């Protein structure tokens, strides 16, 4: 069966679910969740059929005219190549599983239909972004995702923390989006096109070498990278993602772990044609990604909120992906994006199951849950082993590709990323041991396992975390080369050494966490006292929020409260009030003519006719 004629249904079906739930939410009620799930499942069937054909060697592309921009014609359409198919697979499969989980997680919520309407709108935007064939349509979908992120982070807007977090996320990501938009405009000015396929033709050094002399081309690349910094929470715009955990946990899994934040990495991979010719730009990308991976892993070491640990873990793993693209390995980055989506969605949904079963997300109150929440504990352990890089789970294969690429390009970057990998294994198993092992630290918590509608998606994602990395493994490498476009790293003499070090680093982190939090739980407090400055730096998130508050938030608030308030009150309101006073004065004068006497009106009419005759004569 030919599915290419049904491409437009992939985003259209979730859009229809959004329309039904947002306009008829009172009617759909508890059925709203299954309406969203049904639409996503149908999109999944169509999308996966297309992905299978793309992995078989086909590429689907079509476009149509949109509007004219000067001498250029803007078009919109779809492009499904191996890169788009990989992310399409991730978004459809993971997104559908998360929505099924949400049916149970959000049960009984007062605004249940609205939640699923927002989720469906997000799926529409994300799917449109993945299959779009040009930067303009990509950016439109990108901004709609930003709106959905704002709505879903602040979904429980009754809480001031949630309302503040949604505003923080929206404003912070807008900084990167402004840079991204300027990058699109600059790129259009230089190349005269915004199509991804056309960009490959225009930016060809053999046929069009003169274009690379344009001084703004590397600037355009850096501006596009600003979009990734904002959306994928890279340094220094990473501060919004931890606060975004104020939204429902399934939102954290869908938007802030598996899909939306990965859109920034997808943007870099899609724009690699622009980046690949400028080593200085790639170096900046590498440094930002590596710094982010190391910094976020360091902060995650001491966090006590289960979702915040996972949030900083997400930032760190995105840093790995960004660094890989900067090192010239976009395939390794996309491979890790795919595996990370499965095990990080599993970890977030596992955290949601813990919160659902205990009523708390504070690690200091948890403990001893393994016997009471077996499905949640076992699947969470699988996800933790995957992110720690333990073979043969998915995270090992994809992270090893990145570490090998770093080793071949820069030993300093390799050392930094290996250190981040060690910290990842440590803080994840710190989380595992504090949550599921030992004795309960709060005896008032009566934990219970989550319902099947929540645990079944956990097991499906756990299966993905076990198996999804195998296409990138050594023995499956050549079979799936057209799918992943991986290089021949396995043939390198350094591959074995890097693989062994990677395994050792992961196991060392796990064993150290076991020592600290199971065998000798007094050690962390002792080290915290000895290394107090470092402990405080990690616990207080390197004081980024305080720094931004001091240099940006408070000064602008003071400016708004003083100068801008005075200007608004005295100038803006003054002009508006003057218009009202002047109108009232003129009205007071004119109404004196309204006497109610007919002879006065005839006199005014006669005077008016005389005036007209006089001016006509002149």
Protein backbone atom coordinates (compact mmCIF):
# COMPACT_ATOMS: atom_id res chain seq x y z
CA UNK A 1 0.00 0.00 0.00
CA UNK A 2 1.22 3.51 -0.84
CA UNK A 3 1.21 5.68 2.27
CA UNK A 4 3.01 8.72 0.82
CA UNK A 5 -0.29 10.28 -0.24
CA UNK A 6 -1.38 10.18 3.41
CA UNK A 7 1.61 12.10 4.81
CA UNK A 8 -0.55 15.11 5.55
CA UNK A 9 -2.67 12.99 7.89
CA UNK A 10 0.26 12.45 10.26
CA UNK A 11 -0.04 15.94 11.81
CA UNK A 12 -3.68 16.45 10.79
CA UNK A 13 -5.09 13.63 12.95
CA UNK A 14 -3.73 15.03 16.25
CA UNK A 15 -4.90 18.46 15.10
CA UNK A 16 -8.41 17.07 14.71
CA UNK A 17 -8.19 15.58 18.23
CA UNK A 18 -7.13 19.00 19.52
CA UNK A 19 -10.14 20.65 17.86
CA UNK A 20 -12.58 18.09 19.26
CA UNK A 21 -11.24 18.28 22.82
CA UNK A 22 -10.81 22.06 22.96
CA UNK A 23 -14.25 22.89 21.52
CA UNK A 24 -16.30 19.96 22.82
CA UNK A 25 -14.44 19.17 26.03
CA UNK A 26 -17.57 19.27 28.16
CA UNK A 27 -19.10 16.63 25.91
CA UNK A 28 -16.05 14.37 25.54
CA UNK A 29 -15.24 14.40 29.28
CA UNK A 30 -13.29 11.27 30.27
CA UNK A 31 -13.26 10.14 26.63
CA UNK A 32 -10.92 13.02 25.75
CA UNK A 33 -7.83 10.97 26.58
CA UNK A 34 -8.79 8.09 24.33
CA UNK A 35 -9.69 10.51 21.50
CA UNK A 36 -6.14 11.89 21.67
CA UNK A 37 -4.68 8.37 21.91
CA UNK A 38 -6.74 7.13 18.93
CA UNK A 39 -5.57 10.03 16.76
CA UNK A 40 -1.97 9.42 17.77
CA UNK A 41 -2.26 5.69 17.07
CA UNK A 42 -3.60 6.32 13.57
CA UNK A 43 -0.77 8.77 12.90
CA UNK A 44 1.60 6.12 14.24
CA UNK A 45 0.35 3.50 11.78
CA UNK A 46 0.76 5.81 8.80
CA UNK A 47 4.07 7.25 10.00
CA UNK A 48 5.70 3.90 10.79
CA UNK A 49 4.66 2.51 7.39
CA UNK A 50 6.40 5.49 5.78
CA UNK A 51 9.46 5.06 8.01
CA UNK A 52 9.77 1.42 6.95
CA UNK A 53 9.83 2.47 3.30
CA UNK A 54 12.39 5.22 3.98
CA UNK A 55 14.66 2.76 5.78
CA UNK A 56 14.29 0.59 2.68
CA UNK A 57 15.87 3.33 0.57
CA UNK A 58 13.01 5.63 -0.43
CA UNK A 59 12.72 9.37 0.20
CA UNK A 60 9.33 11.10 0.21
CA UNK A 61 9.17 14.78 -0.70
CA UNK A 62 6.54 17.15 -2.08
CA UNK A 63 5.88 20.88 -1.93
CA UNK A 64 3.53 23.52 -3.26
CA UNK A 65 3.65 27.33 -3.65
CA UNK A 66 2.79 29.40 -0.60
CA UNK A 67 3.55 33.07 -1.31
CA UNK A 68 6.06 35.23 -3.14
CA UNK A 69 8.84 37.01 -1.25
CA UNK A 70 10.41 39.40 -3.73
CA UNK A 71 11.99 37.36 -6.47
CA UNK A 72 11.78 34.16 -4.44
CA UNK A 73 8.75 31.94 -3.99
CA UNK A 74 8.07 30.52 -0.55
CA UNK A 75 6.88 26.94 -0.63
CA UNK A 76 5.70 24.51 2.00
CA UNK A 77 5.74 20.75 1.92
CA UNK A 78 7.20 17.64 3.49
CA UNK A 79 10.54 15.85 3.34
CA UNK A 80 10.88 12.39 4.88
CA UNK A 81 14.44 11.16 4.54
CA UNK A 82 16.38 8.85 6.93
CA UNK A 83 16.98 11.75 9.35
CA UNK A 84 13.30 12.76 9.47
CA UNK A 85 12.19 9.11 9.62
CA UNK A 86 14.32 8.48 12.70
CA UNK A 87 12.80 11.36 14.64
CA UNK A 88 9.33 10.60 13.28
CA UNK A 89 9.66 7.07 14.67
CA UNK A 90 10.68 8.45 18.08
CA UNK A 91 7.93 11.07 18.30
CA UNK A 92 5.13 8.75 17.19
CA UNK A 93 6.05 5.72 19.31
CA UNK A 94 7.14 7.52 22.48
CA UNK A 95 4.43 10.19 22.16
CA UNK A 96 1.68 7.59 21.82
CA UNK A 97 2.90 5.57 24.81
CA UNK A 98 3.08 8.72 26.94
CA UNK A 99 -0.48 9.66 26.01
CA UNK A 100 -1.72 6.19 26.98
CA UNK A 101 0.09 6.61 30.32
CA UNK A 102 -1.50 10.05 30.74
CA UNK A 103 -5.00 8.56 30.57
CA UNK A 104 -4.31 6.97 33.94
CA UNK A 105 -2.00 9.62 35.37
CA UNK A 106 -4.38 12.55 34.72
CA UNK A 107 -7.56 10.65 35.66
CA UNK A 108 -9.84 12.82 37.76
CA UNK A 109 -8.17 16.10 36.81
CA UNK A 110 -10.59 19.03 36.68
CA UNK A 111 -9.39 20.12 33.21
CA UNK A 112 -8.87 16.64 31.76
CA UNK A 113 -10.06 17.42 28.16
CA UNK A 114 -7.98 20.60 28.03
CA UNK A 115 -4.84 18.67 28.96
CA UNK A 116 -5.28 16.25 26.08
CA UNK A 117 -6.16 19.10 23.73
CA UNK A 118 -2.81 20.73 24.55
CA UNK A 119 -0.96 17.43 24.14
CA UNK A 120 -2.58 16.86 20.73
CA UNK A 121 -1.67 20.37 19.60
CA UNK A 122 1.89 19.75 20.69
CA UNK A 123 1.99 16.47 18.73
CA UNK A 124 0.69 18.34 15.68
CA UNK A 125 3.45 20.93 15.93
CA UNK A 126 6.21 18.42 16.61
CA UNK A 127 5.19 16.15 13.73
CA UNK A 128 4.93 19.15 11.39
CA UNK A 129 8.41 20.23 12.43
CA UNK A 130 9.87 16.79 11.77
CA UNK A 131 8.46 16.39 8.25
CA UNK A 132 8.76 20.05 7.16
CA UNK A 133 10.95 20.65 4.11
CA UNK A 134 11.99 24.25 4.78
CA UNK A 135 13.04 26.57 7.57
CA UNK A 136 9.90 28.73 7.47
CA UNK A 137 7.43 25.92 8.14
CA UNK A 138 9.95 24.47 10.60
CA UNK A 139 10.00 27.76 12.53
CA UNK A 140 6.20 28.06 12.61
CA UNK A 141 5.92 24.57 14.13
CA UNK A 142 8.84 25.42 16.45
CA UNK A 143 6.93 28.41 17.85
CA UNK A 144 3.69 26.48 18.28
CA UNK A 145 5.66 23.96 20.34
CA UNK A 146 6.90 26.86 22.46
CA UNK A 147 3.29 27.91 23.06
CA UNK A 148 2.31 24.34 24.02
CA UNK A 149 5.27 24.15 26.38
CA UNK A 150 4.09 27.35 28.08
CA UNK A 151 0.53 26.04 28.39
CA UNK A 152 1.54 22.63 29.72
CA UNK A 153 4.24 23.75 32.16
CA UNK A 154 1.71 26.17 33.65
CA UNK A 155 -1.15 23.67 33.38
CA UNK A 156 -1.68 23.80 37.14
CA UNK A 157 -1.59 27.59 37.08
CA UNK A 158 -3.25 27.80 40.50
CA UNK A 159 0.23 27.21 41.90
CA UNK A 160 2.41 30.31 41.67
CA UNK A 161 5.46 28.12 41.10
CA UNK A 162 3.87 26.58 37.99
CA UNK A 163 2.77 29.95 36.61
CA UNK A 164 6.23 31.40 37.20
CA UNK A 165 7.93 28.36 35.64
CA UNK A 166 5.83 28.61 32.47
CA UNK A 167 6.67 32.29 32.11
CA UNK A 168 10.36 31.60 32.73
CA UNK A 169 10.41 28.86 30.10
CA UNK A 170 8.58 31.00 27.56
CA UNK A 171 10.79 34.07 27.98
CA UNK A 172 14.07 32.15 28.15
CA UNK A 173 13.40 30.13 25.02
CA UNK A 174 12.26 33.28 23.19
CA UNK A 175 15.80 34.63 23.54
CA UNK A 176 17.11 31.69 21.54
CA UNK A 177 14.19 31.86 19.11
CA UNK A 178 14.94 35.48 18.22
CA UNK A 179 18.47 34.40 17.30
CA UNK A 180 17.09 31.48 15.30
CA UNK A 181 14.72 33.74 13.36
CA UNK A 182 17.52 36.19 12.59
CA UNK A 183 19.60 33.24 11.41
CA UNK A 184 16.82 32.17 9.03
CA UNK A 185 16.57 35.70 7.62
CA UNK A 186 20.36 35.92 7.22
CA UNK A 187 20.50 32.55 5.51
CA UNK A 188 17.69 33.56 3.14
CA UNK A 189 19.51 36.81 2.35
CA UNK A 190 22.65 34.87 1.42
CA UNK A 191 21.22 31.84 -0.39
CA UNK A 192 17.84 33.05 -1.63
CA UNK A 193 16.15 29.87 -0.40
CA UNK A 194 14.91 28.27 2.81
CA UNK A 195 14.37 24.73 1.49
CA UNK A 196 16.48 22.02 3.08
CA UNK A 197 17.03 20.21 -0.23
CA UNK A 198 17.81 23.46 -2.02
CA UNK A 199 20.35 24.28 0.69
CA UNK A 200 22.33 21.16 -0.23
CA UNK A 201 22.52 22.38 -3.81
CA UNK A 202 23.33 26.02 -3.02
CA UNK A 203 25.94 25.27 -0.35
CA UNK A 204 28.09 23.08 -2.59
CA UNK A 205 31.73 24.20 -2.66
CA UNK A 206 32.33 22.52 -6.03
CA UNK A 207 29.58 24.33 -7.91
CA UNK A 208 29.11 27.49 -5.86
CA UNK A 209 32.36 28.21 -4.02
CA UNK A 210 31.87 32.00 -4.11
CA UNK A 211 29.00 31.83 -1.59
CA UNK A 212 31.39 30.65 1.12
CA UNK A 213 33.18 33.98 0.92
CA UNK A 214 30.13 35.73 2.29
CA UNK A 215 31.06 37.02 5.77
CA UNK A 216 27.55 36.51 7.16
CA UNK A 217 27.31 32.78 6.43
CA UNK A 218 29.08 31.66 9.65
CA UNK A 219 27.05 34.30 11.50
CA UNK A 220 23.87 32.69 10.15
CA UNK A 221 25.08 29.32 11.47
CA UNK A 222 25.72 30.75 14.94
CA UNK A 223 22.32 32.44 14.99
CA UNK A 224 20.62 29.16 14.08
CA UNK A 225 22.57 27.53 16.90
CA UNK A 226 20.94 30.06 19.26
CA UNK A 227 17.65 28.28 18.62
CA UNK A 228 19.21 25.02 19.78
CA UNK A 229 20.66 26.68 22.88
CA UNK A 230 17.20 27.90 23.87
CA UNK A 231 15.04 24.92 22.93
CA UNK A 232 17.49 22.21 23.98
CA UNK A 233 18.40 24.01 27.23
CA UNK A 234 22.11 24.44 26.57
CA UNK A 235 24.39 26.75 28.55
CA UNK A 236 23.66 29.59 29.25
CA UNK A 237 19.89 29.25 28.55
CA UNK A 238 19.53 25.96 30.42
CA UNK A 239 17.86 27.49 33.47
CA UNK A 240 14.27 27.06 32.28
CA UNK A 241 14.19 23.25 32.00
CA UNK A 242 14.50 22.28 35.70
CA UNK A 243 11.66 24.66 36.62
CA UNK A 244 9.58 23.18 33.79
CA UNK A 245 9.12 20.12 36.00
CA UNK A 246 6.23 22.03 37.63
CA UNK A 247 4.01 20.65 34.86
CA UNK A 248 2.44 17.16 34.98
CA UNK A 249 5.06 14.38 34.85
CA UNK A 250 3.76 13.03 31.56
CA UNK A 251 4.38 16.51 30.12
CA UNK A 252 7.94 16.32 31.39
CA UNK A 253 8.34 12.97 29.67
CA UNK A 254 6.83 14.03 26.35
CA UNK A 255 8.05 17.58 25.91
CA UNK A 256 11.05 17.99 28.16
CA UNK A 257 12.72 14.61 27.72
CA UNK A 258 11.71 12.82 24.54
CA UNK A 259 10.62 15.29 21.88
CA UNK A 260 10.59 19.10 22.19
CA UNK A 261 14.02 19.55 23.71
CA UNK A 262 15.35 17.11 21.12
CA UNK A 263 14.08 19.46 18.39
CA UNK A 264 17.13 21.67 18.92
CA UNK A 265 19.46 18.74 18.22
CA UNK A 266 17.36 17.84 15.18
CA UNK A 267 17.71 21.43 13.97
CA UNK A 268 21.51 21.17 14.19
CA UNK A 269 21.54 17.86 12.33
CA UNK A 270 19.18 19.23 9.66
CA UNK A 271 21.37 22.35 9.33
CA UNK A 272 24.68 20.50 9.34
CA UNK A 273 25.19 21.52 5.71
CA UNK A 274 25.51 25.11 6.93
CA UNK A 275 27.80 24.24 9.86
CA UNK A 276 30.16 21.68 8.36
CA UNK A 277 32.29 24.17 6.41
CA UNK A 278 33.14 26.38 9.41
CA UNK A 279 35.48 24.73 11.96
CA UNK A 280 35.29 27.71 14.32
CA UNK A 281 31.51 27.45 14.52
CA UNK A 282 31.70 23.70 15.09
CA UNK A 283 34.24 24.31 17.86
CA UNK A 284 31.81 26.68 19.58
CA UNK A 285 29.05 24.08 19.28
CA UNK A 286 31.35 21.41 20.74
CA UNK A 287 32.45 23.55 23.66
CA UNK A 288 28.89 24.60 24.54
CA UNK A 289 27.65 21.00 24.38
CA UNK A 290 30.54 19.62 26.44
CA UNK A 291 30.29 22.37 29.04
CA UNK A 292 26.54 21.77 29.34
CA UNK A 293 26.98 17.99 29.71
CA UNK A 294 29.56 18.40 32.47
CA UNK A 295 27.82 21.26 34.28
CA UNK A 296 24.35 19.67 34.38
CA UNK A 297 25.75 16.32 35.55
CA UNK A 298 27.58 18.11 38.39
CA UNK A 299 24.37 19.86 39.50
CA UNK A 300 22.37 16.61 39.37
CA UNK A 301 24.67 15.01 41.96
CA UNK A 302 22.98 16.71 44.93
CA UNK A 303 19.38 17.40 43.85
CA UNK A 304 16.70 15.97 46.12
CA UNK A 305 13.64 16.28 43.85
CA UNK A 306 13.28 13.14 41.72
CA UNK A 307 12.10 15.11 38.68
CA UNK A 308 14.83 17.73 38.97
CA UNK A 309 17.50 15.04 38.94
CA UNK A 310 16.00 13.78 35.68
CA UNK A 311 15.73 17.35 34.35
CA UNK A 312 19.44 18.02 34.82
CA UNK A 313 20.14 14.58 33.42
CA UNK A 314 18.22 15.58 30.29
CA UNK A 315 20.23 18.78 29.96
CA UNK A 316 23.45 16.78 30.30
CA UNK A 317 22.45 14.19 27.70
CA UNK A 318 21.42 16.92 25.27
CA UNK A 319 24.89 18.34 25.81
CA UNK A 320 26.34 15.01 24.65
CA UNK A 321 24.27 15.23 21.46
CA UNK A 322 25.23 18.84 20.74
CA UNK A 323 28.91 18.05 21.35
CA UNK A 324 28.68 15.11 18.94
CA UNK A 325 27.37 17.37 16.17
CA UNK A 326 30.12 19.88 16.88
CA UNK A 327 32.63 17.05 16.54
CA UNK A 328 31.24 16.28 13.09
CA UNK A 329 29.16 13.22 14.08
CA UNK A 330 25.51 14.15 13.53
CA UNK A 331 24.63 10.46 13.03
CA UNK A 332 25.93 9.62 16.52
CA UNK A 333 23.93 12.54 17.95
CA UNK A 334 20.69 11.40 16.29
CA UNK A 335 21.35 7.82 17.37
CA UNK A 336 21.70 8.99 20.98
CA UNK A 337 18.64 11.21 20.56
CA UNK A 338 16.63 8.13 19.59
CA UNK A 339 17.85 5.90 22.41
CA UNK A 340 17.64 8.72 24.96
CA UNK A 341 14.02 9.38 24.06
CA UNK A 342 13.08 5.85 25.09
CA UNK A 343 14.98 5.51 28.34
CA UNK A 344 14.45 9.10 29.49
CA UNK A 345 10.71 8.90 28.80
CA UNK A 346 10.75 5.65 30.77
CA UNK A 347 12.54 7.33 33.68
CA UNK A 348 10.18 10.32 33.75
CA UNK A 349 7.10 8.12 33.58
CA UNK A 350 8.65 5.92 36.28
CA UNK A 351 9.11 9.03 38.41
CA UNK A 352 5.48 9.90 37.75
CA UNK A 353 4.45 6.43 38.86
CA UNK A 354 6.44 6.91 42.09
CA UNK A 355 4.74 10.26 42.69
CA UNK A 356 1.33 8.71 41.90
CA UNK A 357 1.95 5.83 44.31
CA UNK A 358 3.51 7.81 47.18
CA UNK A 359 2.29 11.39 46.88
CA UNK A 360 5.80 12.83 47.11
CA UNK A 361 8.77 13.47 44.84
CA UNK A 362 11.30 14.27 47.57
CA UNK A 363 14.08 11.67 47.69
CA UNK A 364 14.55 12.36 51.41
CA UNK A 365 11.10 10.90 52.08
CA UNK A 366 11.30 7.87 49.80
CA UNK A 367 13.01 4.49 50.15
CA UNK A 368 12.10 0.82 50.21
CA UNK A 369 9.66 0.99 47.29
CA UNK A 370 10.99 -2.03 45.41
CA UNK A 371 8.74 -4.50 47.20
CA UNK A 372 5.64 -2.31 46.91
CA UNK A 373 6.03 -1.05 43.32
CA UNK A 374 7.74 -3.92 41.50
CA UNK A 375 6.83 -2.96 37.92
CA UNK A 376 7.80 0.66 38.46
CA UNK A 377 11.05 -0.32 40.20
CA UNK A 378 12.13 -2.91 37.62
CA UNK A 379 11.43 -0.69 34.62
CA UNK A 380 13.10 2.29 36.32
CA UNK A 381 16.16 0.12 36.95
CA UNK A 382 16.27 -0.81 33.24
CA UNK A 383 16.10 2.87 32.27
CA UNK A 384 18.86 3.72 34.76
CA UNK A 385 21.12 0.97 33.43
CA UNK A 386 20.50 2.26 29.91
CA UNK A 387 21.41 5.86 30.68
CA UNK A 388 24.44 4.70 32.70
CA UNK A 389 25.78 3.03 29.55
CA UNK A 390 25.69 -0.60 30.68
CA UNK A 391 25.78 -3.05 27.74
CA UNK A 392 23.78 -4.31 25.96
CA UNK A 393 21.19 -1.64 26.76
CA UNK A 394 20.48 1.17 24.31
CA UNK A 395 22.38 3.96 26.02
CA UNK A 396 25.66 2.05 25.84
CA UNK A 397 25.71 1.85 22.04
CA UNK A 398 24.73 5.45 21.36
CA UNK A 399 26.87 7.05 24.08
CA UNK A 400 29.83 4.92 22.98
CA UNK A 401 29.51 6.35 19.45
CA UNK A 402 29.76 9.87 20.87
CA UNK A 403 32.69 9.04 23.15
CA UNK A 404 34.53 7.37 20.29
CA UNK A 405 33.99 10.40 18.06
CA UNK A 406 35.29 12.64 20.86
CA UNK A 407 38.34 10.40 21.36
CA UNK A 408 39.20 10.60 17.66
CA UNK A 409 38.86 14.40 17.54
CA UNK A 410 39.93 15.78 20.94
CA UNK A 411 41.24 14.00 24.03
CA UNK A 412 40.17 16.92 26.24
CA UNK A 413 36.58 16.70 25.04
CA UNK A 414 36.72 12.92 25.46
CA UNK A 415 37.95 13.30 29.06
CA UNK A 416 35.21 15.83 29.88
CA UNK A 417 32.43 13.69 28.36
CA UNK A 418 33.75 10.55 30.07
CA UNK A 419 33.67 12.42 33.39
CA UNK A 420 30.07 13.44 32.68
CA UNK A 421 29.25 9.80 31.85
CA UNK A 422 30.72 8.70 35.20
CA UNK A 423 28.65 11.29 37.06
CA UNK A 424 25.56 10.19 35.11
CA UNK A 425 25.90 6.61 36.33
CA UNK A 426 26.53 7.84 39.88
CA UNK A 427 23.58 10.25 40.23
CA UNK A 428 21.14 7.90 38.50
CA UNK A 429 21.91 5.04 40.86
CA UNK A 430 21.92 7.44 43.78
CA UNK A 431 18.34 8.10 42.69
CA UNK A 432 17.60 4.37 42.34
CA UNK A 433 19.02 3.42 45.75
CA UNK A 434 17.38 6.32 47.59
CA UNK A 435 13.99 5.60 46.01
CA UNK A 436 13.64 1.84 45.78
CA UNK A 437 16.09 0.34 48.29
CA UNK A 438 16.76 0.61 52.00
CA UNK A 439 14.04 1.43 54.49
CA UNK A 440 11.24 4.00 54.04
CA UNK A 441 12.34 7.35 55.44
CA UNK A 442 8.76 8.56 55.86
CA UNK A 443 6.61 5.93 57.56
CA UNK A 444 3.43 7.88 56.81
CA UNK A 445 3.74 7.10 53.09
CA UNK A 446 1.70 4.05 52.07
CA UNK A 447 2.95 3.29 48.58
CA UNK A 448 0.96 1.33 46.00
CA UNK A 449 1.62 0.25 42.45
CA UNK A 450 0.15 2.31 39.61
CA UNK A 451 -2.68 0.93 37.43
CA UNK A 452 -2.00 -1.12 34.30
CA UNK A 453 -2.72 1.81 31.98
CA UNK A 454 0.41 3.39 33.48
CA UNK A 455 2.65 0.35 33.96
CA UNK A 456 2.13 -1.17 30.50
CA UNK A 457 3.69 1.88 28.75
CA UNK A 458 6.57 1.56 31.24
CA UNK A 459 7.25 -2.01 30.11
CA UNK A 460 6.95 -1.03 26.43
CA UNK A 461 9.50 1.76 26.91
CA UNK A 462 11.69 -0.63 28.91
CA UNK A 463 11.67 -3.03 25.96
CA UNK A 464 12.69 -0.14 23.73
CA UNK A 465 15.48 0.78 26.14
CA UNK A 466 16.75 -2.80 25.87
CA UNK A 467 16.47 -3.27 22.11
CA UNK A 468 16.50 0.10 20.33
CA UNK A 469 20.28 0.40 20.52
CA UNK A 470 20.97 -2.86 18.73
CA UNK A 471 20.81 -1.36 15.20
CA UNK A 472 23.86 0.68 16.13
CA UNK A 473 25.78 -2.21 17.65
CA UNK A 474 28.77 -3.85 16.04
CA UNK A 475 26.99 -6.93 14.66
CA UNK A 476 24.00 -4.97 13.34
CA UNK A 477 26.11 -2.09 12.06
CA UNK A 478 26.21 -2.82 8.35
CA UNK A 479 22.60 -4.00 8.15
CA UNK A 480 21.28 -0.66 9.39
CA UNK A 481 23.94 1.60 7.91
CA UNK A 482 21.46 3.19 5.49
CA UNK A 483 19.15 3.90 8.44
CA UNK A 484 21.65 5.43 10.83
CA UNK A 485 24.36 6.51 8.38
CA UNK A 486 26.92 5.56 11.00
CA UNK A 487 30.58 5.61 10.21
CA UNK A 488 32.91 2.62 10.48
CA UNK A 489 33.98 3.37 14.05
CA UNK A 490 33.84 -0.32 14.93
CA UNK A 491 36.74 -0.93 12.53
CA UNK A 492 38.92 1.58 14.34
CA UNK A 493 41.68 0.27 16.59
CA UNK A 494 40.59 2.75 19.26
CA UNK A 495 37.02 1.43 19.40
CA UNK A 496 37.82 -1.44 21.74
CA UNK A 497 39.66 0.77 24.19
CA UNK A 498 36.92 3.40 24.23
CA UNK A 499 34.28 0.70 24.68
CA UNK A 500 36.11 -0.84 27.64
CA UNK A 501 36.65 2.55 29.29
CA UNK A 502 32.99 3.41 28.72
CA UNK A 503 31.86 0.20 30.45
CA UNK A 504 34.34 0.75 33.30
CA UNK A 505 33.18 4.35 33.80
CA UNK A 506 29.52 3.32 34.00
CA UNK A 507 30.14 0.44 36.39
CA UNK A 508 32.41 2.61 38.58
CA UNK A 509 29.64 5.19 38.96
CA UNK A 510 27.11 2.50 39.89
CA UNK A 511 29.46 0.86 42.42
CA UNK A 512 30.33 4.21 44.01
CA UNK A 513 26.63 5.04 44.40
CA UNK A 514 26.10 1.57 45.96
CA UNK A 515 28.91 2.25 48.41
CA UNK A 516 27.63 5.72 49.35
CA UNK A 517 23.91 5.04 49.63
CA UNK A 518 23.64 1.34 50.58
CA UNK A 519 26.81 0.10 52.27
CA UNK A 520 27.99 3.29 53.99
CA UNK A 521 25.23 5.96 53.91
CA UNK A 522 27.20 8.21 56.29
CA UNK A 523 29.85 8.93 53.63
CA UNK A 524 27.83 11.52 51.59
CA UNK A 525 27.20 13.71 54.65
CA UNK A 526 30.88 13.44 55.64
CA UNK A 527 32.05 14.41 52.14
CA UNK A 528 29.48 17.20 52.07
CA UNK A 529 31.13 18.77 55.10
CA UNK A 530 34.66 18.34 53.77
CA UNK A 531 33.83 19.56 50.24
CA UNK A 532 31.22 22.09 51.35
CA UNK A 533 31.99 24.77 48.69
CA UNK A 534 31.53 22.23 45.88
CA UNK A 535 28.48 20.74 47.59
CA UNK A 536 26.85 24.18 47.85
CA UNK A 537 27.71 24.97 44.21
CA UNK A 538 25.99 21.78 43.07
CA UNK A 539 23.03 22.08 45.43
CA UNK A 540 22.40 25.71 44.41
CA UNK A 541 22.72 24.97 40.69
CA UNK A 542 25.95 27.00 40.36
CA UNK A 543 23.89 30.04 41.41
CA UNK A 544 22.75 30.71 37.84
CA UNK A 545 19.26 31.75 38.92
CA UNK A 546 20.67 34.15 41.50
CA UNK A 547 23.11 35.56 38.94
CA UNK A 548 20.40 36.13 36.33
CA UNK A 549 18.15 37.62 38.98
CA UNK A 550 20.88 40.08 39.97
CA UNK A 551 21.97 41.16 36.48
CA UNK A 552 18.69 40.99 34.57
CA UNK A 553 15.48 40.28 36.48
CA UNK A 554 15.76 42.72 39.41
CA UNK A 555 17.24 45.63 37.37
CA UNK A 556 14.49 45.33 34.75
CA UNK A 557 11.82 45.05 37.44
CA UNK A 558 13.19 48.19 39.10
CA UNK A 559 13.26 49.94 35.74
CA UNK A 560 9.66 48.92 35.15
CA UNK A 561 8.57 50.01 38.64
CA UNK A 562 10.22 53.43 38.41
CA UNK A 563 10.92 54.97 35.00
CA UNK A 564 8.52 52.92 32.87
CA UNK A 565 5.73 53.19 35.47
CA UNK A 566 6.16 56.98 35.59
CA UNK A 567 6.17 57.17 31.78
CA UNK A 568 3.07 54.99 31.54
CA UNK A 569 1.20 56.93 34.21
CA UNK A 570 2.13 60.46 33.18
CA UNK A 571 2.78 60.30 29.44
CA UNK A 572 0.71 57.41 28.08
CA UNK A 573 -2.18 57.80 30.53
CA UNK A 574 -1.76 61.59 30.30
CA UNK A 575 -2.34 61.57 26.53
CA UNK A 576 -5.33 59.28 26.90
CA UNK A 577 -6.79 61.42 29.71
CA UNK A 578 -6.14 64.62 27.70
CA UNK A 579 -8.09 63.15 24.77
CA UNK A 580 -10.98 62.44 27.12
CA UNK A 581 -10.87 65.89 28.74
CA UNK A 582 -10.62 67.65 25.39
CA UNK A 583 -13.55 65.65 24.02
CA UNK A 584 -15.58 66.47 27.11
CA UNK A 585 -14.76 70.21 26.77
CA UNK A 586 -15.78 70.31 23.10
CA UNK A 587 -18.92 68.35 23.93
CA UNK A 588 -19.80 70.84 26.67
CA UNK A 589 -19.51 73.71 24.17
CA UNK A 590 -21.42 72.01 21.38
CA UNK A 591 -24.28 70.82 23.56
CA UNK A 592 -25.20 74.44 24.27
CA UNK A 593 -26.50 74.54 20.72
CA UNK A 594 -29.05 71.88 21.62
CA UNK A 595 -31.77 74.20 22.97
CA UNK A 596 -34.86 72.30 21.82
CA UNK A 597 -36.25 75.47 20.13
CA UNK A 598 -37.14 75.02 16.45
CA UNK A 599 -36.47 78.67 15.58
CA UNK A 600 -32.89 78.35 16.84
CA UNK A 601 -32.31 75.33 14.64
CA UNK A 602 -33.76 77.23 11.61
CA UNK A 603 -31.47 80.14 12.36
CA UNK A 604 -28.42 77.82 12.48
CA UNK A 605 -29.54 76.16 9.26
CA UNK A 606 -29.97 79.53 7.55
CA UNK A 607 -26.52 80.67 8.79
CA UNK A 608 -25.01 77.48 7.48
CA UNK A 609 -26.54 77.98 4.04
CA UNK A 610 -25.21 81.54 3.91
CA UNK A 611 -21.72 80.28 4.81
CA UNK A 612 -21.86 77.69 2.06
CA UNK A 613 -22.98 80.27 -0.49
CA UNK A 614 -20.23 82.64 0.62
CA UNK A 615 -17.44 80.04 0.33
CA UNK A 616 -18.86 78.81 -2.98
CA UNK A 617 -18.73 82.35 -4.31
CA UNK A 618 -15.11 82.75 -3.18
